[in-house]
Amino acid sequence: MVFMPKLLGPLVIETSVDYETNGARGEVVHTTRISKWGMTMYDAVETFTLSPNGKDIAIAREQRAWPSLRRTREVGESRGEVEPSGTKASYVFPFFGTVMRQTGSIEERGVRIVQETDWSRGEQLLERC
């Protein structure tokens, strides 16, 4: 996936957040789909569960990356933390054999996501369509 944008142009990233369905239980479901020409290269479904202290988050995730047709459930330590302002959160979770560190912060133009591993760094600004 790293070389796809250079060879074929930008990929399409679609993401959704569902709080309404299970928000009363402190759960948020986040989906991500990365595609090109309608073909899915990567998709993930993550369930974030907020602890009663309002700060700590447990994360369960399933993902699939092309060319594999099966979903994999990531195992290992997945956790996160929301800052008291509620405008920034950070997460740590296993990601294809390494550890992904991710921060999300609310900005005037949208939500900025920064993802880092020992060998990569990505930054996206998500704007509402």
Protein backbone atom coordinates (compact mmCIF):
# COMPACT_ATOMS: atom_id res chain seq x y z
CA MET A 1 0.00 0.00 0.00
CA VAL A 2 2.94 2.34 0.54
CA PHE A 3 3.80 2.52 -3.18
CA MET A 4 0.22 2.46 -4.53
CA PRO A 5 -0.35 6.25 -4.34
CA LYS A 6 2.94 6.91 -6.15
CA LEU A 7 2.12 4.42 -8.90
CA LEU A 8 -1.63 4.88 -9.29
CA GLY A 9 -2.51 8.19 -7.66
CA PRO A 10 -4.18 8.90 -4.32
CA LEU A 11 -6.12 6.25 -2.47
CA VAL A 12 -9.62 6.88 -1.11
CA ILE A 13 -9.99 6.77 2.68
CA GLU A 14 -13.50 6.39 4.09
CA THR A 15 -14.08 6.40 7.82
CA SER A 16 -17.11 6.40 10.09
CA VAL A 17 -17.78 6.72 13.79
CA ASP A 18 -20.93 5.27 15.42
CA TYR A 19 -21.68 6.36 18.97
CA GLU A 20 -25.47 6.23 18.80
CA THR A 21 -25.83 2.44 18.63
CA ASN A 22 -23.89 1.51 21.81
CA GLY A 23 -22.99 4.87 23.35
CA ALA A 24 -25.01 4.15 26.47
CA ARG A 25 -22.58 1.26 27.14
CA GLY A 26 -19.58 3.53 26.54
CA GLU A 27 -18.78 1.95 23.15
CA VAL A 28 -17.86 3.66 19.91
CA VAL A 29 -17.45 1.72 16.65
CA HIS A 30 -14.97 3.15 14.15
CA THR A 31 -14.64 1.81 10.61
CA THR A 32 -11.93 2.52 8.05
CA ARG A 33 -11.80 1.56 4.38
CA ILE A 34 -8.93 2.36 2.01
CA SER A 35 -9.67 1.73 -1.66
CA LYS A 36 -8.67 2.49 -5.22
CA TRP A 37 -11.10 2.26 -8.17
CA GLY A 38 -13.67 0.64 -5.87
CA MET A 39 -11.30 -2.18 -4.82
CA THR A 40 -10.72 -2.43 -1.06
CA MET A 41 -7.04 -2.44 -0.11
CA TYR A 42 -7.62 -2.30 3.66
CA ASP A 43 -10.58 -2.25 6.01
CA ALA A 44 -10.92 -2.29 9.77
CA VAL A 45 -13.62 -2.25 12.41
CA GLU A 46 -12.58 -1.04 15.85
CA THR A 47 -14.65 -0.94 19.01
CA PHE A 48 -13.49 1.61 21.56
CA THR A 49 -14.83 1.09 25.10
CA LEU A 50 -14.51 4.02 27.48
CA SER A 51 -13.77 3.08 31.08
CA PRO A 52 -15.91 4.49 33.91
CA ASN A 53 -13.14 6.99 34.74
CA GLY A 54 -13.90 8.75 31.41
CA LYS A 55 -10.25 8.71 30.37
CA ASP A 56 -9.00 5.20 29.56
CA ILE A 57 -10.04 3.28 26.45
CA ALA A 58 -9.87 -0.44 25.60
CA ILE A 59 -9.72 -1.22 21.87
CA ALA A 60 -10.85 -4.38 20.05
CA ARG A 61 -10.12 -4.47 16.32
CA GLU A 62 -10.56 -6.62 13.26
CA GLN A 63 -8.85 -5.81 9.99
CA ARG A 64 -8.27 -7.11 6.51
CA ALA A 65 -5.62 -6.08 4.01
CA TRP A 66 -5.48 -6.91 0.32
CA PRO A 67 -4.76 -9.47 -1.05
CA SER A 68 -6.02 -11.52 1.93
CA LEU A 69 -9.75 -12.17 1.93
CA ARG A 70 -10.00 -13.05 5.61
CA ARG A 71 -10.30 -10.77 8.60
CA THR A 72 -7.70 -10.98 11.33
CA ARG A 73 -8.32 -10.07 14.94
CA GLU A 74 -5.38 -8.15 16.34
CA VAL A 75 -4.24 -9.51 19.66
CA GLY A 76 -2.01 -7.82 22.18
CA GLU A 77 -2.23 -4.70 24.24
CA SER A 78 -4.62 -2.16 22.77
CA ARG A 79 -5.29 0.86 24.88
CA GLY A 80 -5.92 4.56 24.63
CA GLU A 81 -6.43 7.68 26.65
CA VAL A 82 -8.57 10.79 26.19
CA GLU A 83 -7.22 14.12 27.41
CA PRO A 84 -9.39 15.98 29.94
CA SER A 85 -10.32 18.61 27.31
CA GLY A 86 -11.92 15.87 25.19
CA THR A 87 -10.24 17.28 22.07
CA LYS A 88 -7.29 14.88 21.83
CA ALA A 89 -6.81 11.15 22.28
CA SER A 90 -3.88 8.79 21.90
CA TYR A 91 -3.87 5.04 21.22
CA VAL A 92 -1.37 2.18 21.08
CA PHE A 93 -2.24 -1.09 19.33
CA PRO A 94 -0.65 -3.99 17.42
CA PHE A 95 -0.62 -3.43 13.67
CA PHE A 96 0.60 -6.13 11.25
CA GLY A 97 3.39 -7.31 13.54
CA THR A 98 4.48 -3.96 14.93
CA VAL A 99 3.11 -1.38 17.37
CA MET A 100 1.11 1.57 16.01
CA ARG A 101 0.99 4.80 18.00
CA GLN A 102 -1.86 7.08 16.95
CA THR A 103 -3.08 10.46 18.09
CA GLY A 104 -6.25 12.20 17.05
CA SER A 105 -6.96 15.84 17.74
CA ILE A 106 -9.87 18.11 16.90
CA GLU A 107 -8.84 21.19 14.95
CA GLU A 108 -10.78 24.00 13.32
CA ARG A 109 -10.69 22.32 9.87
CA GLY A 110 -11.37 18.77 11.07
CA VAL A 111 -9.68 15.92 12.92
CA ARG A 112 -5.93 15.43 12.54
CA ILE A 113 -4.71 11.84 12.79
CA VAL A 114 -1.01 11.03 13.21
CA GLN A 115 0.05 7.37 12.99
CA GLU A 116 3.58 6.18 13.76
CA THR A 117 5.40 2.86 13.93
CA ASP A 118 9.11 2.12 14.24
CA TRP A 119 9.34 2.28 10.44
CA SER A 120 6.59 4.66 9.29
CA ARG A 121 4.77 7.92 9.92
CA GLY A 122 1.50 9.11 8.38
CA GLU A 123 -0.60 12.18 8.94
CA GLN A 124 -4.13 12.88 7.70
CA LEU A 125 -6.60 15.70 8.13
CA LEU A 126 -10.16 14.35 8.07
CA GLU A 127 -12.68 16.93 6.88
CA ARG A 128 -16.44 16.41 6.93
CA CYS A 129 -17.91 16.00 3.42
